[in-house]
Amino acid sequence: METLNISEKKSRIKWDYDAEADVLYISFGNPRNAEGVDIGEGTIIRIQPDSKEIIGVTILNPLSRTLSSLMGKYPLTRKKKTPFLTK
């Protein structure tokens, strides 16, 4: 099995969120050309081909998936209206 290099803590992590496409791009250092490996669940690991170093992560639909998950855990409930009492 081929090995990948996962460097120690990177000093500069850059990110960009494309709201229209709902895609989050995370780069370790300056963004560079890379090969993408889909590891499932809408997550793509970006690998620099020569050094086999992981240089970034792309997350597809993070907002919509998070909201869907929260909606499943916390279903919306409406407060019951209390009748207005008059004397």
Protein backbone atom coordinates (compact mmCIF):
# COMPACT_ATOMS: atom_id res chain seq x y z
CA MET A 1 0.00 0.00 0.00
CA GLU A 2 1.30 3.43 -0.93
CA THR A 3 1.90 5.85 1.92
CA LEU A 4 0.83 9.47 2.21
CA ASN A 5 2.65 12.22 4.05
CA ILE A 6 0.67 13.97 6.72
CA SER A 7 2.87 16.78 7.94
CA GLU A 8 2.87 18.04 11.45
CA LYS A 9 0.79 21.08 12.28
CA LYS A 10 0.80 23.57 9.43
CA SER A 11 1.46 27.18 10.27
CA ARG A 12 -0.96 28.55 7.67
CA ILE A 13 -4.33 27.08 6.90
CA LYS A 14 -6.35 28.93 4.27
CA TRP A 15 -9.98 28.37 3.50
CA ASP A 16 -12.59 29.63 1.11
CA TYR A 17 -16.32 28.98 1.08
CA ASP A 18 -18.30 29.16 -2.17
CA ALA A 19 -21.82 29.89 -0.92
CA GLU A 20 -23.43 29.53 -4.34
CA ALA A 21 -22.04 26.01 -4.82
CA ASP A 22 -21.98 25.19 -1.06
CA VAL A 23 -18.36 24.00 -1.19
CA LEU A 24 -15.69 24.54 1.47
CA TYR A 25 -12.06 24.53 0.33
CA ILE A 26 -9.32 24.13 2.97
CA SER A 27 -5.65 24.42 1.97
CA PHE A 28 -2.56 23.81 4.07
CA GLY A 29 -0.30 26.64 2.90
CA ASN A 30 -0.92 28.30 -0.43
CA PRO A 31 -3.39 26.46 -2.70
CA ARG A 32 -1.58 24.27 -5.25
CA ASN A 33 -2.46 21.86 -8.02
CA ALA A 34 -3.39 18.51 -6.59
CA GLU A 35 -5.07 15.20 -7.24
CA GLY A 36 -8.35 14.64 -5.45
CA VAL A 37 -9.26 11.43 -3.67
CA ASP A 38 -12.93 11.08 -2.77
CA ILE A 39 -13.07 9.46 0.67
CA GLY A 40 -16.86 9.51 0.80
CA GLU A 41 -19.49 11.59 2.59
CA GLY A 42 -18.75 14.54 0.29
CA THR A 43 -15.13 14.86 1.41
CA ILE A 44 -12.24 15.03 -1.04
CA ILE A 45 -8.63 14.88 0.15
CA ARG A 46 -6.23 16.84 -2.08
CA ILE A 47 -2.81 15.26 -2.53
CA GLN A 48 0.30 16.77 -4.16
CA PRO A 49 1.26 14.04 -6.67
CA ASP A 50 5.06 14.30 -6.40
CA SER A 51 5.48 14.37 -2.63
CA LYS A 52 2.30 12.42 -1.81
CA GLU A 53 1.59 15.10 0.78
CA ILE A 54 -1.96 15.97 1.79
CA ILE A 55 -2.26 19.65 0.93
CA GLY A 56 -5.96 20.27 1.35
CA VAL A 57 -9.50 19.11 1.87
CA THR A 58 -12.64 19.94 -0.11
CA ILE A 59 -16.00 19.45 1.56
CA LEU A 60 -19.09 19.33 -0.64
CA ASN A 61 -22.40 20.71 0.64
CA PRO A 62 -21.26 21.36 4.22
CA LEU A 63 -24.05 23.84 4.98
CA SER A 64 -26.93 21.84 3.55
CA ARG A 65 -25.69 18.58 5.12
CA THR A 66 -25.24 20.23 8.51
CA LEU A 67 -28.69 21.79 8.39
CA SER A 68 -30.24 18.47 7.34
CA SER A 69 -28.50 16.72 10.21
CA LEU A 70 -29.62 19.33 12.71
CA MET A 71 -33.19 19.16 11.43
CA GLY A 72 -33.18 15.41 12.04
CA LYS A 73 -31.87 15.80 15.59
CA TYR A 74 -33.87 18.86 16.46
CA PRO A 75 -37.17 18.80 14.60
CA LEU A 76 -38.91 22.11 14.37
CA THR A 77 -41.80 22.43 16.75
CA ARG A 78 -44.21 25.27 16.93
CA LYS A 79 -45.11 26.72 20.27
CA LYS A 80 -48.72 26.18 21.14
CA LYS A 81 -50.59 29.42 21.17
CA THR A 82 -52.15 30.23 24.49
CA PRO A 83 -55.55 31.76 24.21
CA PHE A 84 -55.80 35.39 25.12
CA LEU A 85 -57.95 35.69 28.20
CA THR A 86 -60.14 38.72 28.80
CA LYS A 87 -62.16 39.54 31.86
